[in-house]
């Protein structure tokens, strides 16, 4: 049998506007967002009348529920009358995209283009509805009660920042699991079969799945039916996106053929099949902050930070200030945080926390978990900074200072290393059982 990393690399390679949520790495784009009402979650000035497709039915063979015939009126309405296109319409449209043969390729391309250039993909309600449909059509998962208490968490970014930093979100998830958090992570950015134009992982040298594969974790081979068994032994869990969102694999060729980013580029942080209630979500442009935090609120996330480093980084920056949108108990509070003022950490230029190949990043992660880097190392500080944020939204730390202290302790006493080993060992066990 081939080593896990060789088996998986083959699978991995086959298969992740100022008012637009699907902006490119530079954050450029066009179109204005449609106003929405936070109190009613309805688009302002919108009568919420949805298209009711009435496909012709053959007396012998009825039309399927979702077909190109029923999708056509939705595309027509969005193209010709975008101001009347509602969240109900987009929900119905995305149901067509989520099922096989629900829409023709040309229709899908036209729909995604119209969604972007009408500015609809910059409306939080629209984004949230798309995410809900994608989640409802994902492979069903059951993680059971898992280990420990507290909310299920995730730390994830949109990508598109072009910074090519070390795999800080994956590493922070592992360190937070060592503290006692249940962190169930999913990433669409590093799965080539579902990537479209403009995703970070299309240019980044190492994504979440890549580094875990290099660490001998069989993430692409884990069957969904085994998640509860893994979660009963490991507080860290990684869900390989292509396994749980087959519709994105089907749509990939169309997305790749479009010369602009689409709404799918931004949906990754919102469509974790486990539906975590506490999240750190990184965005590459400040204008995405309000869109994402409102979308998280609408989809039922209870506690979250949406973060954007001032350098256009989709992580909490170790270099300087980071804009955050703090969601707590349905209330959103924008503010600015700083490594030194709010966490007691020295600043370092991003050049000192740059990423390398998957094997290089895996080596650095192992050194960190073996407590070989130390508090003067920029990569360790970058990791404990972002780990502290996870601990805050998970309710494990009252502030950044306590979060950093707990993260350091997780590294020093071996808890973080044990969290990775627990995941790797039980993942291998369930994969071997199924082969």
Protein backbone atom coordinates (compact mmCIF):
# COMPACT_ATOMS: atom_id res chain seq x y z
CA UNK A 1 0.00 0.00 0.00
CA UNK A 2 1.25 3.50 -0.87
CA UNK A 3 1.94 5.89 2.01
CA UNK A 4 -1.05 8.07 2.87
CA UNK A 5 0.57 11.21 1.54
CA UNK A 6 1.14 9.62 -1.89
CA UNK A 7 -2.43 8.29 -2.06
CA UNK A 8 -3.84 11.65 -1.11
CA UNK A 9 -1.75 13.89 -3.34
CA UNK A 10 -3.35 12.23 -6.36
CA UNK A 11 -6.80 12.97 -4.98
CA UNK A 12 -5.89 16.49 -3.97
CA UNK A 13 -4.65 17.32 -7.43
CA UNK A 14 -7.97 16.15 -8.91
CA UNK A 15 -10.09 17.34 -6.32
CA UNK A 16 -10.97 24.63 -3.78
CA UNK A 17 -15.49 44.98 -6.38
CA UNK A 18 -15.68 47.25 -3.43
CA UNK A 19 -19.25 46.03 -3.08
CA UNK A 20 -18.68 42.45 -4.23
CA UNK A 21 -18.06 39.56 -1.89
CA UNK A 22 -16.37 37.57 -4.66
CA UNK A 23 -13.60 40.10 -5.22
CA UNK A 24 -10.21 39.06 -6.54
CA UNK A 25 -7.01 39.03 -4.54
CA UNK A 26 -6.62 42.75 -5.05
CA UNK A 27 -10.11 43.38 -3.74
CA UNK A 28 -11.13 45.16 -6.93
CA UNK A 29 -14.52 44.83 -8.53
CA UNK A 30 -17.63 46.71 -9.49
CA UNK A 31 -21.28 47.00 -8.70
CA UNK A 32 -23.20 48.32 -5.70
CA UNK A 33 -24.83 46.26 -3.02
CA UNK A 34 -28.58 46.16 -2.66
CA UNK A 35 -29.67 47.72 0.67
CA UNK A 36 -30.96 45.29 3.25
CA UNK A 37 -32.80 45.57 6.54
CA UNK A 38 -30.99 44.04 9.52
CA UNK A 39 -34.20 43.77 11.54
CA UNK A 40 -36.19 41.81 9.02
CA UNK A 41 -33.41 40.18 7.00
CA UNK A 42 -35.17 41.40 3.88
CA UNK A 43 -33.87 43.50 1.04
CA UNK A 44 -35.05 47.08 1.37
CA UNK A 45 -37.59 48.02 -1.26
CA UNK A 46 -38.03 44.39 -2.21
CA UNK A 47 -41.46 42.83 -2.24
CA UNK A 48 -39.80 39.37 -1.94
CA UNK A 49 -41.78 38.01 -4.85
CA UNK A 50 -39.89 35.02 -6.13
CA UNK A 51 -40.09 33.52 -9.56
CA UNK A 52 -42.31 30.48 -9.61
CA UNK A 53 -41.07 28.39 -12.50
CA UNK A 54 -43.80 26.50 -14.24
CA UNK A 55 -42.05 24.05 -16.54
CA UNK A 56 -44.04 22.29 -19.18
CA UNK A 57 -44.83 18.73 -18.16
CA UNK A 58 -45.15 15.79 -20.46
CA UNK A 59 -48.16 13.62 -19.64
CA UNK A 60 -45.84 10.63 -19.70
CA UNK A 61 -42.68 12.03 -18.10
CA UNK A 62 -42.97 14.97 -15.66
CA UNK A 63 -40.18 17.50 -15.55
CA UNK A 64 -37.76 17.07 -12.64
CA UNK A 65 -38.15 19.51 -9.76
CA UNK A 66 -34.97 21.36 -10.76
CA UNK A 67 -34.14 21.54 -14.45
CA UNK A 68 -32.80 23.96 -17.07
CA UNK A 69 -36.41 24.76 -17.94
CA UNK A 70 -37.21 25.87 -14.39
CA UNK A 71 -33.85 27.63 -14.00
CA UNK A 72 -34.26 29.80 -17.11
CA UNK A 73 -36.85 32.22 -15.62
CA UNK A 74 -34.58 32.82 -12.63
CA UNK A 75 -31.63 33.76 -14.84
CA UNK A 76 -33.88 35.99 -16.93
CA UNK A 77 -35.19 37.81 -13.88
CA UNK A 78 -31.69 38.41 -12.48
CA UNK A 79 -30.37 39.68 -15.83
CA UNK A 80 -33.32 41.86 -16.82
CA UNK A 81 -34.75 42.92 -13.45
CA UNK A 82 -31.99 42.57 -10.82
CA UNK A 83 -33.66 44.98 -8.39
CA UNK A 84 -36.56 42.54 -8.01
CA UNK A 85 -34.35 39.47 -7.56
CA UNK A 86 -34.85 38.36 -3.96
CA UNK A 87 -33.23 36.06 -1.45
CA UNK A 88 -36.02 33.60 -2.18
CA UNK A 89 -35.02 33.67 -5.84
CA UNK A 90 -31.34 33.11 -5.09
CA UNK A 91 -32.19 30.22 -2.79
CA UNK A 92 -34.20 28.56 -5.53
CA UNK A 93 -31.47 29.27 -8.08
CA UNK A 94 -28.79 27.71 -5.89
CA UNK A 95 -30.93 24.62 -5.45
CA UNK A 96 -30.64 24.21 -9.21
CA UNK A 97 -26.86 24.56 -9.02
CA UNK A 98 -26.62 22.08 -6.17
CA UNK A 99 -28.28 19.19 -8.01
CA UNK A 100 -26.95 17.35 -11.01
CA UNK A 101 -28.48 18.47 -14.33
CA UNK A 102 -30.38 21.27 -12.60
CA UNK A 103 -29.06 23.87 -15.04
CA UNK A 104 -27.21 24.03 -18.35
CA UNK A 105 -23.56 25.19 -18.31
CA UNK A 106 -24.36 28.35 -20.29
CA UNK A 107 -27.15 29.19 -17.85
CA UNK A 108 -24.83 28.74 -14.87
CA UNK A 109 -22.19 31.01 -16.40
CA UNK A 110 -24.79 33.67 -17.16
CA UNK A 111 -26.23 33.44 -13.67
CA UNK A 112 -22.86 33.76 -11.91
CA UNK A 113 -21.91 36.71 -14.10
CA UNK A 114 -25.20 38.48 -13.46
CA UNK A 115 -24.96 37.80 -9.73
CA UNK A 116 -21.54 39.42 -9.61
CA UNK A 117 -22.06 42.42 -11.85
CA UNK A 118 -25.45 43.28 -10.36
CA UNK A 119 -23.70 43.56 -6.99
CA UNK A 120 -26.02 40.96 -5.48
CA UNK A 121 -23.08 38.93 -4.21
CA UNK A 122 -22.25 41.86 -1.95
CA UNK A 123 -25.55 41.56 -0.07
CA UNK A 124 -25.16 39.61 3.21
CA UNK A 125 -28.65 38.16 2.94
CA UNK A 126 -27.91 36.82 -0.55
CA UNK A 127 -24.57 35.40 0.59
CA UNK A 128 -26.20 33.78 3.62
CA UNK A 129 -28.94 32.20 1.52
CA UNK A 130 -26.37 30.73 -0.87
CA UNK A 131 -24.44 29.31 2.07
CA UNK A 132 -27.58 27.77 3.58
CA UNK A 133 -28.41 26.00 0.33
CA UNK A 134 -24.87 24.68 -0.05
CA UNK A 135 -24.91 23.39 3.53
CA UNK A 136 -28.29 21.73 3.07
CA UNK A 137 -26.99 19.90 0.00
CA UNK A 138 -23.67 18.86 1.52
CA UNK A 139 -23.02 15.27 2.54
CA UNK A 140 -24.71 14.76 5.91
CA UNK A 141 -22.29 14.54 8.80
CA UNK A 142 -22.68 13.28 12.35
CA UNK A 143 -19.84 14.12 14.72
CA UNK A 144 -21.67 13.00 17.83
CA UNK A 145 -20.98 14.81 21.10
CA UNK A 146 -17.22 14.80 20.62
CA UNK A 147 -14.67 15.45 23.34
CA UNK A 148 -15.01 18.20 25.89
CA UNK A 149 -17.46 21.04 26.29
CA UNK A 150 -18.09 24.35 24.61
CA UNK A 151 -19.07 25.25 21.05
CA UNK A 152 -17.64 23.64 17.95
CA UNK A 153 -15.21 26.14 16.42
CA UNK A 154 -13.55 26.83 13.08
CA UNK A 155 -10.80 29.19 11.97
CA UNK A 156 -10.74 29.82 8.24
CA UNK A 157 -10.01 32.50 5.66
CA UNK A 158 -11.39 33.50 2.30
CA UNK A 159 -7.97 33.50 0.66
CA UNK A 160 -7.10 35.98 -2.05
CA UNK A 161 -4.68 38.04 0.05
CA UNK A 162 -1.61 37.10 -2.00
CA UNK A 163 0.60 37.12 1.12
CA UNK A 164 1.58 33.42 1.10
CA UNK A 165 2.00 33.25 4.88
CA UNK A 166 2.65 30.15 6.97
CA UNK A 167 -0.40 27.88 7.52
CA UNK A 168 -1.43 29.78 10.62
CA UNK A 169 -5.14 28.89 10.69
CA UNK A 170 -4.51 25.14 10.53
CA UNK A 171 -1.76 25.37 13.14
CA UNK A 172 -3.84 27.60 15.41
CA UNK A 173 -6.70 25.10 15.17
CA UNK A 174 -4.40 22.33 16.40
CA UNK A 175 -2.98 24.45 19.24
CA UNK A 176 -6.50 25.49 20.29
CA UNK A 177 -7.54 21.83 20.31
CA UNK A 178 -4.62 21.25 22.67
CA UNK A 179 -6.14 23.82 25.03
CA UNK A 180 -9.46 21.96 24.96
CA UNK A 181 -11.46 23.49 22.10
CA UNK A 182 -13.30 21.35 19.60
CA UNK A 183 -12.05 22.73 16.29
CA UNK A 184 -13.60 21.10 13.22
CA UNK A 185 -11.99 22.70 10.21
CA UNK A 186 -12.88 22.67 6.54
CA UNK A 187 -11.13 24.46 3.69
CA UNK A 188 -12.19 24.89 0.08
CA UNK A 189 -9.12 26.91 -0.87
CA UNK A 190 -6.69 24.07 -1.43
CA UNK A 191 -8.79 21.55 -3.36
CA UNK A 192 -7.90 22.01 -7.05
CA UNK A 193 -11.01 20.25 -8.31
CA UNK A 194 -13.32 22.88 -6.78
CA UNK A 195 -11.25 26.03 -7.11
CA UNK A 196 -12.32 28.83 -9.39
CA UNK A 197 -10.70 32.06 -10.50
CA UNK A 198 -8.98 34.12 -7.84
CA UNK A 199 -8.68 31.71 -4.92
CA UNK A 200 -5.58 32.05 -2.74
CA UNK A 201 -4.69 28.38 -2.95
CA UNK A 202 -4.41 28.62 -6.72
CA UNK A 203 -1.18 30.55 -6.11
CA UNK A 204 -0.29 29.60 -2.53
CA UNK A 205 2.31 26.86 -2.23
CA UNK A 206 0.65 25.09 0.70
CA UNK A 207 -2.98 24.81 1.76
CA UNK A 208 -4.53 23.19 4.81
CA UNK A 209 -4.94 19.77 3.22
CA UNK A 210 -1.42 19.95 1.76
CA UNK A 211 0.29 20.47 5.10
CA UNK A 212 -1.82 17.81 6.82
CA UNK A 213 -1.02 15.31 4.08
CA UNK A 214 2.67 16.10 4.56
CA UNK A 215 2.14 15.34 8.25
CA UNK A 216 0.85 11.88 7.24
CA UNK A 217 -2.79 12.64 8.05
CA UNK A 218 -5.06 10.79 5.56
CA UNK A 219 -7.50 13.69 5.20
CA UNK A 220 -8.64 12.89 1.66
CA UNK A 221 -9.40 9.27 2.52
CA UNK A 222 -11.60 9.72 5.60
CA UNK A 223 -15.19 8.53 4.98
CA UNK A 224 -17.92 10.83 6.34
CA UNK A 225 -19.40 7.91 8.26
CA UNK A 226 -16.27 7.81 10.44
CA UNK A 227 -16.41 11.41 11.68
CA UNK A 228 -18.15 10.58 14.95
CA UNK A 229 -15.53 7.95 15.74
CA UNK A 230 -12.74 10.45 15.07
CA UNK A 231 -14.47 13.21 17.04
CA UNK A 232 -14.80 10.89 20.04
CA UNK A 233 -11.00 10.61 20.19
CA UNK A 234 -9.77 13.92 18.79
CA UNK A 235 -10.69 17.55 19.45
CA UNK A 236 -9.19 18.54 16.09
CA UNK A 237 -10.99 17.41 12.96
CA UNK A 238 -10.40 18.25 9.31
CA UNK A 239 -13.08 17.79 6.67
CA UNK A 240 -11.79 17.57 3.09
CA UNK A 241 -14.14 19.84 1.17
CA UNK A 242 -14.44 17.82 -2.04
CA UNK A 243 -15.78 14.88 -0.04
CA UNK A 244 -18.65 16.90 1.41
CA UNK A 245 -19.55 19.27 -1.44
CA UNK A 246 -19.78 17.21 -4.65
CA UNK A 247 -21.77 19.96 -6.37
CA UNK A 248 -18.71 22.23 -6.23
CA UNK A 249 -16.69 19.61 -8.06
CA UNK A 250 -19.31 19.51 -10.81
CA UNK A 251 -19.35 23.30 -11.10
CA UNK A 252 -15.57 23.71 -11.15
CA UNK A 253 -15.06 23.61 -14.95
CA UNK A 254 -17.62 26.38 -15.44
CA UNK A 255 -16.13 28.54 -12.71
CA UNK A 256 -12.64 28.08 -14.08
CA UNK A 257 -13.79 29.19 -17.52
CA UNK A 258 -15.05 32.54 -16.20
CA UNK A 259 -12.46 35.37 -16.24
CA UNK A 260 -13.61 36.82 -12.91
CA UNK A 261 -14.19 35.61 -9.35
CA UNK A 262 -17.66 34.41 -8.43
CA UNK A 263 -19.61 34.19 -5.20
CA UNK A 264 -18.22 30.68 -4.68
CA UNK A 265 -14.81 32.17 -3.95
CA UNK A 266 -16.23 33.57 -0.74
CA UNK A 267 -18.56 30.79 0.37
CA UNK A 268 -15.87 28.52 1.82
CA UNK A 269 -15.88 29.96 5.36
CA UNK A 270 -19.68 29.73 5.47
CA UNK A 271 -20.32 26.15 4.37
CA UNK A 272 -18.66 23.95 6.96
CA UNK A 273 -21.00 20.89 7.09
CA UNK A 274 -20.59 20.70 10.88
CA UNK A 275 -22.07 24.23 11.20
CA UNK A 276 -19.78 25.57 13.94
CA UNK A 277 -21.24 28.18 16.28
CA UNK A 278 -17.95 29.95 17.08
CA UNK A 279 -15.65 31.12 14.29
CA UNK A 280 -12.65 33.18 13.30
CA UNK A 281 -13.09 34.19 9.65
CA UNK A 282 -10.34 36.01 7.80
CA UNK A 283 -11.14 38.26 4.83
CA UNK A 284 -8.64 39.81 2.43
CA UNK A 285 -10.35 43.19 2.05
CA UNK A 286 -11.90 45.46 4.66
CA UNK A 287 -15.11 45.94 2.68
CA UNK A 288 -15.82 42.23 3.10
CA UNK A 289 -15.88 42.48 6.89
CA UNK A 290 -19.40 43.84 7.29
CA UNK A 291 -20.72 41.48 4.61
CA UNK A 292 -19.28 38.38 6.23
CA UNK A 293 -20.13 39.16 9.83
CA UNK A 294 -23.75 39.86 8.89
CA UNK A 295 -23.87 36.64 6.83
CA UNK A 296 -22.52 34.71 9.82
CA UNK A 297 -25.20 36.24 12.03
CA UNK A 298 -27.95 35.32 9.59
CA UNK A 299 -26.72 31.72 9.28
CA UNK A 300 -26.83 31.22 13.04
CA UNK A 301 -23.23 31.63 14.21
CA UNK A 302 -23.34 32.84 17.81
CA UNK A 303 -19.80 34.08 18.42
CA UNK A 304 -17.29 35.17 15.80
CA UNK A 305 -14.54 37.52 14.84
CA UNK A 306 -14.25 38.49 11.20
CA UNK A 307 -10.69 39.75 10.79
CA UNK A 308 -8.69 41.62 8.17
CA UNK A 309 -5.05 42.61 8.68
CA UNK A 310 -4.30 46.13 7.51
CA UNK A 311 -1.92 44.67 4.89
CA UNK A 312 -4.90 42.96 3.25
CA UNK A 313 -4.20 39.78 5.22
CA UNK A 314 -6.97 37.25 5.82
CA UNK A 315 -5.57 36.47 9.29
CA UNK A 316 -4.87 38.48 12.42
CA UNK A 317 -1.67 40.29 11.51
CA UNK A 318 1.51 39.97 13.56
CA UNK A 319 2.87 43.01 11.72
CA UNK A 320 0.43 45.61 13.05
CA UNK A 321 -3.24 46.52 13.28
CA UNK A 322 -6.11 44.26 12.31
CA UNK A 323 -9.69 45.34 11.74
CA UNK A 324 -12.20 43.02 13.37
CA UNK A 325 -15.97 42.73 13.43
CA UNK A 326 -16.91 41.10 16.72
CA UNK A 327 -20.19 39.12 16.70
CA UNK A 328 -21.56 38.27 20.13
CA UNK A 329 -25.15 37.52 21.11
CA UNK A 330 -26.48 38.91 17.82
CA UNK A 331 -24.59 42.18 18.31
CA UNK A 332 -21.82 43.28 15.94
CA UNK A 333 -19.03 45.56 17.19
CA UNK A 334 -16.31 46.80 14.80
CA UNK A 335 -12.94 47.61 16.37
CA UNK A 336 -9.18 47.50 15.80
CA UNK A 337 -6.74 45.19 17.59
CA UNK A 338 -2.94 45.24 17.82
CA UNK A 339 -0.51 42.40 18.71
CA UNK A 340 1.23 44.36 21.47
CA UNK A 341 -1.63 46.36 22.93
CA UNK A 342 -4.18 43.54 22.99
CA UNK A 343 -2.06 40.39 23.23
CA UNK A 344 1.29 41.43 24.68
CA UNK A 345 3.19 40.21 21.61
CA UNK A 346 5.99 41.92 19.67
CA UNK A 347 5.28 42.88 16.06
CA UNK A 348 7.14 41.19 13.20
CA UNK A 349 7.12 41.86 9.45
CA UNK A 350 5.09 39.40 7.39
CA UNK A 351 8.26 38.44 5.53
CA UNK A 352 9.33 36.57 8.68
CA UNK A 353 6.17 34.44 8.73
CA UNK A 354 6.06 33.53 5.05
CA UNK A 355 5.13 30.02 4.00
CA UNK A 356 7.05 27.49 1.98
CA UNK A 357 6.25 24.15 0.40
CA UNK A 358 3.94 21.72 2.22
CA UNK A 359 6.91 19.74 3.50
CA UNK A 360 8.69 22.90 4.67
CA UNK A 361 5.59 24.14 6.46
CA UNK A 362 5.06 20.71 8.00
CA UNK A 363 8.63 20.77 9.30
CA UNK A 364 8.07 24.21 10.84
CA UNK A 365 4.81 23.04 12.42
CA UNK A 366 6.54 20.01 13.94
CA UNK A 367 9.27 22.25 15.35
CA UNK A 368 6.60 24.47 16.87
CA UNK A 369 4.73 21.54 18.43
CA UNK A 370 8.02 20.21 19.81
CA UNK A 371 8.48 23.61 21.51
CA UNK A 372 11.68 24.28 19.59
CA UNK A 373 10.83 27.79 18.37
CA UNK A 374 10.19 29.82 21.51
CA UNK A 375 8.51 33.16 22.31
CA UNK A 376 11.04 35.18 20.33
CA UNK A 377 10.18 33.36 17.10
CA UNK A 378 7.83 35.30 14.76
CA UNK A 379 6.06 32.15 13.53
CA UNK A 380 5.28 31.03 17.09
CA UNK A 381 3.98 34.50 17.93
CA UNK A 382 1.89 34.56 14.75
CA UNK A 383 0.36 31.21 15.72
CA UNK A 384 -0.35 32.02 19.39
CA UNK A 385 -1.85 35.36 18.31
CA UNK A 386 -4.41 33.65 16.09
CA UNK A 387 -4.90 30.81 18.56
CA UNK A 388 -5.77 33.35 21.26
CA UNK A 389 -8.59 34.64 19.07
CA UNK A 390 -10.03 31.13 18.76
CA UNK A 391 -9.87 30.72 22.53
CA UNK A 392 -11.73 34.01 23.03
CA UNK A 393 -14.66 33.14 20.75
CA UNK A 394 -14.75 29.62 22.22
CA UNK A 395 -15.08 31.05 25.71
CA UNK A 396 -11.78 29.59 26.90
CA UNK A 397 -10.01 32.95 27.37
CA UNK A 398 -11.35 36.26 28.63
CA UNK A 399 -8.92 38.35 26.55
CA UNK A 400 -5.90 38.19 24.26
CA UNK A 401 -3.37 38.07 27.09
CA UNK A 402 -4.96 35.00 28.66
CA UNK A 403 -5.38 33.45 25.22
CA UNK A 404 -1.66 33.81 24.46
CA UNK A 405 -0.78 32.32 27.85
CA UNK A 406 -3.00 29.29 27.25
CA UNK A 407 -1.66 28.82 23.72
CA UNK A 408 1.96 28.89 24.95
CA UNK A 409 1.07 26.36 27.64
CA UNK A 410 -0.46 24.07 25.00
CA UNK A 411 2.86 24.12 23.14
CA UNK A 412 5.09 23.71 26.19
CA UNK A 413 3.24 20.85 27.88
CA UNK A 414 2.77 18.86 24.67
CA UNK A 415 -1.03 19.21 24.52
CA UNK A 416 -0.93 20.72 21.03
CA UNK A 417 1.30 17.93 19.74
CA UNK A 418 -1.02 15.36 21.31
CA UNK A 419 -3.99 16.99 19.55
CA UNK A 420 -2.33 16.45 16.16
CA UNK A 421 -1.22 12.92 17.04
CA UNK A 422 -4.71 12.00 18.26
CA UNK A 423 -6.24 13.13 14.97
CA UNK A 424 -3.62 11.41 12.83
CA UNK A 425 -3.81 8.13 14.75
CA UNK A 426 -7.58 7.78 14.76
CA UNK A 427 -7.85 8.97 11.13
CA UNK A 428 -5.39 6.28 10.04
CA UNK A 429 -7.32 3.73 12.05
CA UNK A 430 -10.67 4.45 10.40
CA UNK A 431 -9.12 4.58 6.93
CA UNK A 432 -7.35 1.24 7.40
CA UNK A 433 -10.56 -0.27 8.72
CA UNK A 434 -12.36 0.70 5.52
CA UNK A 435 -9.71 -0.59 3.10
